[in-house]
Amino acid sequence: MGLGLPMTTRTERTGELLRSGRFPLPAARNRLRGIVTDVVRDGVMAQMESTTGPYRVVSLMSREATDQLELQVGVLAEAMIKSTDVVVERHAAG
């Protein structure tokens, strides 16, 4: 699971990064900076919506992550998008 390394190796590597202050950059290629326009939280999950230029970005995440990031309407946030999912569109007949 994870990096293909034993848990002790991953833990040691994380410790090294924390001590050095150097962190690897996320591999996400698409970064969209925008303003948070809505946050809806429930017991476990949360939905965050932001506006980036003419685009609307909606993200589902754990409530814990939303709370840790202190996401609320009006704050600046950056959505990093890395996906292997397929987008399904529906076109009108004719």
PDB file of N, CA and C in Angstrom:
ATOM      1  N   MET A   1       0.838  -1.177   0.000  1.00  0.00           N
ATOM      2  CA  MET A   1       0.000   0.000   0.000  1.00  0.00           C
ATOM      3  C   MET A   1       0.883   1.241   0.000  1.00  0.00           C
ATOM      4  N   GLY A   2       0.413   2.335  -0.559  1.00  0.00           N
ATOM      5  CA  GLY A   2       1.154   3.583  -0.521  1.00  0.00           C
ATOM      6  C   GLY A   2       2.317   3.602  -1.492  1.00  0.00           C
ATOM      7  N   LEU A   3       3.490   3.900  -0.986  1.00  0.00           N
ATOM      8  CA  LEU A   3       4.663   4.086  -1.828  1.00  0.00           C
ATOM      9  C   LEU A   3       5.362   2.796  -2.205  1.00  0.00           C
ATOM     10  N   GLY A   4       4.846   1.665  -1.779  1.00  0.00           N
ATOM     11  CA  GLY A   4       5.513   0.409  -2.055  1.00  0.00           C
ATOM     12  C   GLY A   4       6.695   0.182  -1.137  1.00  0.00           C
ATOM     13  N   LEU A   5       6.783   0.936  -0.069  1.00  0.00           N
ATOM     14  CA  LEU A   5       7.861   0.799   0.903  1.00  0.00           C
ATOM     15  C   LEU A   5       7.286   0.287   2.217  1.00  0.00           C
ATOM     16  N   PRO A   6       8.100  -0.420   2.992  1.00  0.00           N
ATOM     17  CA  PRO A   6       7.618  -0.830   4.307  1.00  0.00           C
ATOM     18  C   PRO A   6       7.251   0.397   5.133  1.00  0.00           C
ATOM     19  N   MET A   7       6.283   0.240   6.035  1.00  0.00           N
ATOM     20  CA  MET A   7       5.805   1.354   6.844  1.00  0.00           C
ATOM     21  C   MET A   7       6.945   2.043   7.595  1.00  0.00           C
ATOM     22  N   THR A   8       7.894   1.275   8.117  1.00  0.00           N
ATOM     23  CA  THR A   8       8.996   1.898   8.866  1.00  0.00           C
ATOM     24  C   THR A   8       9.828   2.797   7.961  1.00  0.00           C
ATOM     25  N   THR A   9      10.039   2.386   6.713  1.00  0.00           N
ATOM     26  CA  THR A   9      10.811   3.206   5.774  1.00  0.00           C
ATOM     27  C   THR A   9      10.067   4.496   5.466  1.00  0.00           C
ATOM     28  N   ARG A  10       8.748   4.405   5.233  1.00  0.00           N
ATOM     29  CA  ARG A  10       7.958   5.605   4.961  1.00  0.00           C
ATOM     30  C   ARG A  10       7.971   6.539   6.161  1.00  0.00           C
ATOM     31  N   THR A  11       7.859   5.981   7.362  1.00  0.00           N
ATOM     32  CA  THR A  11       7.867   6.794   8.578  1.00  0.00           C
ATOM     33  C   THR A  11       9.209   7.488   8.747  1.00  0.00           C
ATOM     34  N   GLU A  12      10.302   6.770   8.496  1.00  0.00           N
ATOM     35  CA  GLU A  12      11.639   7.367   8.592  1.00  0.00           C
ATOM     36  C   GLU A  12      11.799   8.491   7.572  1.00  0.00           C
ATOM     37  N   ARG A  13      11.338   8.264   6.360  1.00  0.00           N
ATOM     38  CA  ARG A  13      11.449   9.278   5.299  1.00  0.00           C
ATOM     39  C   ARG A  13      10.640  10.518   5.675  1.00  0.00           C
ATOM     40  N   THR A  14       9.451  10.325   6.204  1.00  0.00           N
ATOM     41  CA  THR A  14       8.631  11.457   6.632  1.00  0.00           C
ATOM     42  C   THR A  14       9.345  12.245   7.716  1.00  0.00           C
ATOM     43  N   GLY A  15       9.957  11.536   8.668  1.00  0.00           N
ATOM     44  CA  GLY A  15      10.714  12.192   9.732  1.00  0.00           C
ATOM     45  C   GLY A  15      11.864  13.013   9.184  1.00  0.00           C
ATOM     46  N   GLU A  16      12.568  12.471   8.193  1.00  0.00           N
ATOM     47  CA  GLU A  16      13.683  13.191   7.567  1.00  0.00           C
ATOM     48  C   GLU A  16      13.193  14.489   6.920  1.00  0.00           C
ATOM     49  N   LEU A  17      12.076  14.400   6.205  1.00  0.00           N
ATOM     50  CA  LEU A  17      11.530  15.583   5.539  1.00  0.00           C
ATOM     51  C   LEU A  17      11.106  16.638   6.551  1.00  0.00           C
ATOM     52  N   LEU A  18      10.470  16.206   7.632  1.00  0.00           N
ATOM     53  CA  LEU A  18      10.038  17.155   8.657  1.00  0.00           C
ATOM     54  C   LEU A  18      11.227  17.855   9.301  1.00  0.00           C
ATOM     55  N   ARG A  19      12.272  17.096   9.593  1.00  0.00           N
ATOM     56  CA  ARG A  19      13.461  17.685  10.222  1.00  0.00           C
ATOM     57  C   ARG A  19      14.182  18.646   9.282  1.00  0.00           C
ATOM     58  N   SER A  20      14.221  18.326   8.004  1.00  0.00           N
ATOM     59  CA  SER A  20      14.964  19.149   7.046  1.00  0.00           C
ATOM     60  C   SER A  20      14.186  20.383   6.603  1.00  0.00           C
ATOM     61  N   GLY A  21      12.868  20.339   6.761  1.00  0.00           N
ATOM     62  CA  GLY A  21      12.049  21.453   6.293  1.00  0.00           C
ATOM     63  C   GLY A  21      11.803  21.418   4.795  1.00  0.00           C
ATOM     64  N   ARG A  22      12.253  20.355   4.113  1.00  0.00           N
ATOM     65  CA  ARG A  22      12.043  20.210   2.667  1.00  0.00           C
ATOM     66  C   ARG A  22      10.900  19.235   2.439  1.00  0.00           C
ATOM     67  N   PHE A  23       9.949  19.646   1.677  1.00  0.00           N
ATOM     68  CA  PHE A  23       8.810  18.793   1.386  1.00  0.00           C
ATOM     69  C   PHE A  23       8.678  18.659  -0.123  1.00  0.00           C
ATOM     70  N   PRO A  24       8.403  17.460  -0.610  1.00  0.00           N
ATOM     71  CA  PRO A  24       8.219  17.309  -2.055  1.00  0.00           C
ATOM     72  C   PRO A  24       6.948  18.026  -2.495  1.00  0.00           C
ATOM     73  N   LEU A  25       6.989  18.619  -3.673  1.00  0.00           N
ATOM     74  CA  LEU A  25       5.800  19.270  -4.199  1.00  0.00           C
ATOM     75  C   LEU A  25       4.813  18.215  -4.664  1.00  0.00           C
ATOM     76  N   PRO A  26       3.525  18.477  -4.509  1.00  0.00           N
ATOM     77  CA  PRO A  26       2.534  17.527  -5.016  1.00  0.00           C
ATOM     78  C   PRO A  26       2.702  17.362  -6.522  1.00  0.00           C
ATOM     79  N   ALA A  27       2.336  16.199  -7.020  1.00  0.00           N
ATOM     80  CA  ALA A  27       2.501  15.910  -8.439  1.00  0.00           C
ATOM     81  C   ALA A  27       1.343  16.434  -9.285  1.00  0.00           C
ATOM     82  N   ALA A  28       0.410  17.133  -8.672  1.00  0.00           N
ATOM     83  CA  ALA A  28      -0.734  17.653  -9.421  1.00  0.00           C
ATOM     84  C   ALA A  28      -0.264  18.688 -10.439  1.00  0.00           C
ATOM     85  N   ARG A  29      -0.762  18.589 -11.644  1.00  0.00           N
ATOM     86  CA  ARG A  29      -0.361  19.516 -12.698  1.00  0.00           C
ATOM     87  C   ARG A  29      -1.319  20.693 -12.825  1.00  0.00           C
ATOM     88  N   ASN A  30      -2.559  20.477 -12.477  1.00  0.00           N
ATOM     89  CA  ASN A  30      -3.562  21.521 -12.627  1.00  0.00           C
ATOM     90  C   ASN A  30      -3.858  22.149 -11.274  1.00  0.00           C
ATOM     91  N   ARG A  31      -3.487  23.398 -11.126  1.00  0.00           N
ATOM     92  CA  ARG A  31      -3.712  24.123  -9.872  1.00  0.00           C
ATOM     93  C   ARG A  31      -4.598  25.320 -10.182  1.00  0.00           C
ATOM     94  N   LEU A  32      -5.705  25.383  -9.496  1.00  0.00           N
ATOM     95  CA  LEU A  32      -6.652  26.463  -9.724  1.00  0.00           C
ATOM     96  C   LEU A  32      -6.824  27.253  -8.436  1.00  0.00           C
ATOM     97  N   ARG A  33      -6.330  28.465  -8.416  1.00  0.00           N
ATOM     98  CA  ARG A  33      -6.460  29.321  -7.235  1.00  0.00           C
ATOM     99  C   ARG A  33      -7.767  30.096  -7.348  1.00  0.00           C
ATOM    100  N   GLY A  34      -8.522  30.118  -6.266  1.00  0.00           N
ATOM    101  CA  GLY A  34      -9.795  30.819  -6.297  1.00  0.00           C
ATOM    102  C   GLY A  34     -10.272  31.201  -4.910  1.00  0.00           C
ATOM    103  N   ILE A  35     -11.450  31.770  -4.880  1.00  0.00           N
ATOM    104  CA  ILE A  35     -12.079  32.207  -3.639  1.00  0.00           C
ATOM    105  C   ILE A  35     -13.141  31.188  -3.251  1.00  0.00           C
ATOM    106  N   VAL A  36     -13.122  30.759  -1.993  1.00  0.00           N
ATOM    107  CA  VAL A  36     -14.134  29.826  -1.497  1.00  0.00           C
ATOM    108  C   VAL A  36     -15.471  30.556  -1.462  1.00  0.00           C
ATOM    109  N   THR A  37     -16.479  29.974  -2.119  1.00  0.00           N
ATOM    110  CA  THR A  37     -17.802  30.593  -2.191  1.00  0.00           C
ATOM    111  C   THR A  37     -18.848  29.856  -1.375  1.00  0.00           C
ATOM    112  N   ASP A  38     -18.559  28.617  -0.971  1.00  0.00           N
ATOM    113  CA  ASP A  38     -19.522  27.865  -0.160  1.00  0.00           C
ATOM    114  C   ASP A  38     -18.819  26.691   0.500  1.00  0.00           C
ATOM    115  N   VAL A  39     -19.186  26.400   1.724  1.00  0.00           N
ATOM    116  CA  VAL A  39     -18.694  25.220   2.435  1.00  0.00           C
ATOM    117  C   VAL A  39     -19.878  24.617   3.173  1.00  0.00           C
ATOM    118  N   VAL A  40     -20.147  23.336   2.916  1.00  0.00           N
ATOM    119  CA  VAL A  40     -21.221  22.619   3.605  1.00  0.00           C
ATOM    120  C   VAL A  40     -20.588  21.443   4.323  1.00  0.00           C
ATOM    121  N   ARG A  41     -20.763  21.388   5.648  1.00  0.00           N
ATOM    122  CA  ARG A  41     -20.182  20.312   6.456  1.00  0.00           C
ATOM    123  C   ARG A  41     -21.296  19.458   7.035  1.00  0.00           C
ATOM    124  N   ASP A  42     -21.013  18.144   7.143  1.00  0.00           N
ATOM    125  CA  ASP A  42     -21.890  17.283   7.933  1.00  0.00           C
ATOM    126  C   ASP A  42     -21.009  16.546   8.922  1.00  0.00           C
ATOM    127  N   GLY A  43     -21.449  15.420   9.424  1.00  0.00           N
ATOM    128  CA  GLY A  43     -20.691  14.710  10.443  1.00  0.00           C
ATOM    129  C   GLY A  43     -19.318  14.242  10.002  1.00  0.00           C
ATOM    130  N   VAL A  44     -19.206  13.694   8.794  1.00  0.00           N
ATOM    131  CA  VAL A  44     -17.949  13.100   8.333  1.00  0.00           C
ATOM    132  C   VAL A  44     -17.377  13.809   7.111  1.00  0.00           C
ATOM    133  N   MET A  45     -18.230  14.230   6.196  1.00  0.00           N
ATOM    134  CA  MET A  45     -17.788  14.799   4.923  1.00  0.00           C
ATOM    135  C   MET A  45     -18.114  16.285   4.832  1.00  0.00           C
ATOM    136  N   ALA A  46     -17.479  16.935   3.859  1.00  0.00           N
ATOM    137  CA  ALA A  46     -17.751  18.343   3.579  1.00  0.00           C
ATOM    138  C   ALA A  46     -17.665  18.572   2.074  1.00  0.00           C
ATOM    139  N   GLN A  47     -18.384  19.577   1.612  1.00  0.00           N
ATOM    140  CA  GLN A  47     -18.331  19.987   0.210  1.00  0.00           C
ATOM    141  C   GLN A  47     -17.878  21.440   0.179  1.00  0.00           C
ATOM    142  N   MET A  48     -16.836  21.710  -0.600  1.00  0.00           N
ATOM    143  CA  MET A  48     -16.294  23.051  -0.730  1.00  0.00           C
ATOM    144  C   MET A  48     -16.437  23.490  -2.177  1.00  0.00           C
ATOM    145  N   GLU A  49     -16.913  24.702  -2.366  1.00  0.00           N
ATOM    146  CA  GLU A  49     -17.046  25.261  -3.709  1.00  0.00           C
ATOM    147  C   GLU A  49     -16.207  26.526  -3.788  1.00  0.00           C
ATOM    148  N   SER A  50     -15.479  26.665  -4.891  1.00  0.00           N
ATOM    149  CA  SER A  50     -14.708  27.889  -5.091  1.00  0.00           C
ATOM    150  C   SER A  50     -14.916  28.387  -6.515  1.00  0.00           C
ATOM    151  N   THR A  51     -14.619  29.660  -6.714  1.00  0.00           N
ATOM    152  CA  THR A  51     -14.726  30.271  -8.027  1.00  0.00           C
ATOM    153  C   THR A  51     -13.331  30.682  -8.467  1.00  0.00           C
ATOM    154  N   THR A  52     -12.965  30.222  -9.657  1.00  0.00           N
ATOM    155  CA  THR A  52     -11.672  30.531 -10.248  1.00  0.00           C
ATOM    156  C   THR A  52     -11.944  31.149 -11.604  1.00  0.00           C
ATOM    157  N   GLY A  53     -11.876  32.471 -11.693  1.00  0.00           N
ATOM    158  CA  GLY A  53     -12.234  33.133 -12.945  1.00  0.00           C
ATOM    159  C   GLY A  53     -13.666  32.777 -13.296  1.00  0.00           C
ATOM    160  N   PRO A  54     -13.912  32.317 -14.517  1.00  0.00           N
ATOM    161  CA  PRO A  54     -15.272  31.960 -14.907  1.00  0.00           C
ATOM    162  C   PRO A  54     -15.666  30.538 -14.491  1.00  0.00           C
ATOM    163  N   TYR A  55     -14.777  29.841 -13.796  1.00  0.00           N
ATOM    164  CA  TYR A  55     -15.008  28.435 -13.482  1.00  0.00           C
ATOM    165  C   TYR A  55     -15.413  28.228 -12.032  1.00  0.00           C
ATOM    166  N   ARG A  56     -16.228  27.223 -11.821  1.00  0.00           N
ATOM    167  CA  ARG A  56     -16.658  26.804 -10.491  1.00  0.00           C
ATOM    168  C   ARG A  56     -16.027  25.453 -10.217  1.00  0.00           C
ATOM    169  N   VAL A  57     -15.378  25.305  -9.074  1.00  0.00           N
ATOM    170  CA  VAL A  57     -14.746  24.049  -8.679  1.00  0.00           C
ATOM    171  C   VAL A  57     -15.436  23.560  -7.415  1.00  0.00           C
ATOM    172  N   VAL A  58     -15.881  22.300  -7.430  1.00  0.00           N
ATOM    173  CA  VAL A  58     -16.524  21.704  -6.262  1.00  0.00           C
ATOM    174  C   VAL A  58     -15.691  20.513  -5.832  1.00  0.00           C
ATOM    175  N   SER A  59     -15.395  20.436  -4.547  1.00  0.00           N
ATOM    176  CA  SER A  59     -14.587  19.343  -4.014  1.00  0.00           C
ATOM    177  C   SER A  59     -15.290  18.710  -2.827  1.00  0.00           C
ATOM    178  N   LEU A  60     -15.314  17.389  -2.808  1.00  0.00           N
ATOM    179  CA  LEU A  60     -15.800  16.643  -1.652  1.00  0.00           C
ATOM    180  C   LEU A  60     -14.587  16.147  -0.894  1.00  0.00           C
ATOM    181  N   MET A  61     -14.569  16.373   0.403  1.00  0.00           N
ATOM    182  CA  MET A  61     -13.432  15.971   1.229  1.00  0.00           C
ATOM    183  C   MET A  61     -13.921  15.660   2.630  1.00  0.00           C
ATOM    184  N   SER A  62     -13.034  15.154   3.446  1.00  0.00           N
ATOM    185  CA  SER A  62     -13.430  14.874   4.823  1.00  0.00           C
ATOM    186  C   SER A  62     -13.672  16.190   5.553  1.00  0.00           C
ATOM    187  N   ARG A  63     -14.576  16.148   6.511  1.00  0.00           N
ATOM    188  CA  ARG A  63     -14.829  17.336   7.321  1.00  0.00           C
ATOM    189  C   ARG A  63     -13.557  17.729   8.073  1.00  0.00           C
ATOM    190  N   GLU A  64     -12.810  16.715   8.524  1.00  0.00           N
ATOM    191  CA  GLU A  64     -11.574  16.975   9.257  1.00  0.00           C
ATOM    192  C   GLU A  64     -10.609  17.816   8.415  1.00  0.00           C
ATOM    193  N   ALA A  65     -10.453  17.469   7.132  1.00  0.00           N
ATOM    194  CA  ALA A  65      -9.558  18.229   6.253  1.00  0.00           C
ATOM    195  C   ALA A  65     -10.061  19.659   6.075  1.00  0.00           C
ATOM    196  N   THR A  66     -11.361  19.810   5.906  1.00  0.00           N
ATOM    197  CA  THR A  66     -11.946  21.139   5.746  1.00  0.00           C
ATOM    198  C   THR A  66     -11.703  21.991   6.984  1.00  0.00           C
ATOM    199  N   ASP A  67     -11.866  21.379   8.155  1.00  0.00           N
ATOM    200  CA  ASP A  67     -11.639  22.098   9.413  1.00  0.00           C
ATOM    201  C   ASP A  67     -10.165  22.456   9.578  1.00  0.00           C
ATOM    202  N   GLN A  68      -9.268  21.515   9.266  1.00  0.00           N
ATOM    203  CA  GLN A  68      -7.830  21.777   9.404  1.00  0.00           C
ATOM    204  C   GLN A  68      -7.364  22.897   8.478  1.00  0.00           C
ATOM    205  N   LEU A  69      -7.933  22.954   7.278  1.00  0.00           N
ATOM    206  CA  LEU A  69      -7.587  24.013   6.327  1.00  0.00           C
ATOM    207  C   LEU A  69      -8.300  25.328   6.646  1.00  0.00           C
ATOM    208  N   GLU A  70      -9.207  25.275   7.623  1.00  0.00           N
ATOM    209  CA  GLU A  70      -9.994  26.442   8.026  1.00  0.00           C
ATOM    210  C   GLU A  70     -10.693  27.071   6.825  1.00  0.00           C
ATOM    211  N   LEU A  71     -11.290  26.204   5.989  1.00  0.00           N
ATOM    212  CA  LEU A  71     -11.988  26.691   4.808  1.00  0.00           C
ATOM    213  C   LEU A  71     -13.300  27.335   5.215  1.00  0.00           C
ATOM    214  N   GLN A  72     -13.503  28.544   4.737  1.00  0.00           N
ATOM    215  CA  GLN A  72     -14.751  29.257   4.956  1.00  0.00           C
ATOM    216  C   GLN A  72     -14.945  30.229   3.805  1.00  0.00           C
ATOM    217  N   VAL A  73     -16.157  30.678   3.616  1.00  0.00           N
ATOM    218  CA  VAL A  73     -16.474  31.576   2.511  1.00  0.00           C
ATOM    219  C   VAL A  73     -15.574  32.808   2.568  1.00  0.00           C
ATOM    220  N   GLY A  74     -14.987  33.129   1.413  1.00  0.00           N
ATOM    221  CA  GLY A  74     -14.172  34.325   1.289  1.00  0.00           C
ATOM    222  C   GLY A  74     -12.672  34.110   1.360  1.00  0.00           C
ATOM    223  N   VAL A  75     -12.225  32.927   1.795  1.00  0.00           N
ATOM    224  CA  VAL A  75     -10.779  32.706   1.882  1.00  0.00           C
ATOM    225  C   VAL A  75     -10.227  32.264   0.525  1.00  0.00           C
ATOM    226  N   LEU A  76      -8.953  32.537   0.305  1.00  0.00           N
ATOM    227  CA  LEU A  76      -8.260  32.115  -0.905  1.00  0.00           C
ATOM    228  C   LEU A  76      -7.817  30.670  -0.722  1.00  0.00           C
ATOM    229  N   ALA A  77      -8.091  29.831  -1.702  1.00  0.00           N
ATOM    230  CA  ALA A  77      -7.700  28.422  -1.639  1.00  0.00           C
ATOM    231  C   ALA A  77      -7.225  27.994  -3.019  1.00  0.00           C
ATOM    232  N   GLU A  78      -6.419  26.952  -3.051  1.00  0.00           N
ATOM    233  CA  GLU A  78      -5.908  26.427  -4.315  1.00  0.00           C
ATOM    234  C   GLU A  78      -6.337  24.977  -4.449  1.00  0.00           C
ATOM    235  N   ALA A  79      -7.049  24.676  -5.520  1.00  0.00           N
ATOM    236  CA  ALA A  79      -7.455  23.302  -5.807  1.00  0.00           C
ATOM    237  C   ALA A  79      -6.387  22.682  -6.698  1.00  0.00           C
ATOM    238  N   MET A  80      -5.805  21.582  -6.237  1.00  0.00           N
ATOM    239  CA  MET A  80      -4.822  20.856  -7.036  1.00  0.00           C
ATOM    240  C   MET A  80      -5.528  19.623  -7.580  1.00  0.00           C
ATOM    241  N   ILE A  81      -5.592  19.521  -8.882  1.00  0.00           N
ATOM    242  CA  ILE A  81      -6.380  18.470  -9.514  1.00  0.00           C
ATOM    243  C   ILE A  81      -5.461  17.477 -10.197  1.00  0.00           C
ATOM    244  N   LYS A  82      -5.596  16.224  -9.791  1.00  0.00           N
ATOM    245  CA  LYS A  82      -4.871  15.125 -10.424  1.00  0.00           C
ATOM    246  C   LYS A  82      -5.864  13.975 -10.483  1.00  0.00           C
ATOM    247  N   SER A  83      -6.252  13.601 -11.665  1.00  0.00           N
ATOM    248  CA  SER A  83      -7.335  12.640 -11.774  1.00  0.00           C
ATOM    249  C   SER A  83      -7.110  11.646 -12.901  1.00  0.00           C
ATOM    250  N   THR A  84      -7.554  10.454 -12.665  1.00  0.00           N
ATOM    251  CA  THR A  84      -7.573   9.435 -13.713  1.00  0.00           C
ATOM    252  C   THR A  84      -9.009   9.031 -14.005  1.00  0.00           C
ATOM    253  N   ASP A  85      -9.956   9.795 -13.490  1.00  0.00           N
ATOM    254  CA  ASP A  85     -11.369   9.487 -13.679  1.00  0.00           C
ATOM    255  C   ASP A  85     -11.833   9.881 -15.078  1.00  0.00           C
ATOM    256  N   VAL A  86     -12.924   9.303 -15.486  1.00  0.00           N
ATOM    257  CA  VAL A  86     -13.543   9.624 -16.764  1.00  0.00           C
ATOM    258  C   VAL A  86     -14.731  10.538 -16.495  1.00  0.00           C
ATOM    259  N   VAL A  87     -14.834  11.616 -17.242  1.00  0.00           N
ATOM    260  CA  VAL A  87     -15.955  12.535 -17.114  1.00  0.00           C
ATOM    261  C   VAL A  87     -17.037  12.090 -18.083  1.00  0.00           C
ATOM    262  N   VAL A  88     -18.259  11.938 -17.591  1.00  0.00           N
ATOM    263  CA  VAL A  88     -19.386  11.517 -18.423  1.00  0.00           C
ATOM    264  C   VAL A  88     -20.257  12.727 -18.701  1.00  0.00           C
ATOM    265  N   GLU A  89     -20.558  12.969 -19.972  1.00  0.00           N
ATOM    266  CA  GLU A  89     -21.433  14.065 -20.364  1.00  0.00           C
ATOM    267  C   GLU A  89     -22.658  13.502 -21.044  1.00  0.00           C
ATOM    268  N   ARG A  90     -23.751  14.203 -20.927  1.00  0.00           N
ATOM    269  CA  ARG A  90     -24.976  13.786 -21.593  1.00  0.00           C
ATOM    270  C   ARG A  90     -25.326  14.842 -22.636  1.00  0.00           C
ATOM    271  N   HIS A  91     -25.520  14.393 -23.863  1.00  0.00           N
ATOM    272  CA  HIS A  91     -25.855  15.307 -24.950  1.00  0.00           C
ATOM    273  C   HIS A  91     -27.312  15.116 -25.337  1.00  0.00           C
ATOM    274  N   ALA A  92     -27.942  16.198 -25.743  1.00  0.00           N
ATOM    275  CA  ALA A  92     -29.340  16.131 -26.171  1.00  0.00           C
ATOM    276  C   ALA A  92     -29.447  15.337 -27.471  1.00  0.00           C
ATOM    277  N   ALA A  93     -30.529  14.585 -27.611  1.00  0.00           N
ATOM    278  CA  ALA A  93     -30.754  13.791 -28.827  1.00  0.00           C
ATOM    279  C   ALA A  93     -31.003  14.721 -30.007  1.00  0.00           C
ATOM    280  N   GLY A  94     -30.559  14.265 -31.184  1.00  0.00           N
ATOM    281  CA  GLY A  94     -30.862  15.010 -32.400  1.00  0.00           C
ATOM    282  C   GLY A  94     -29.769  15.776 -32.868  1.00  0.00           C
TER     283      GLY A  94
END
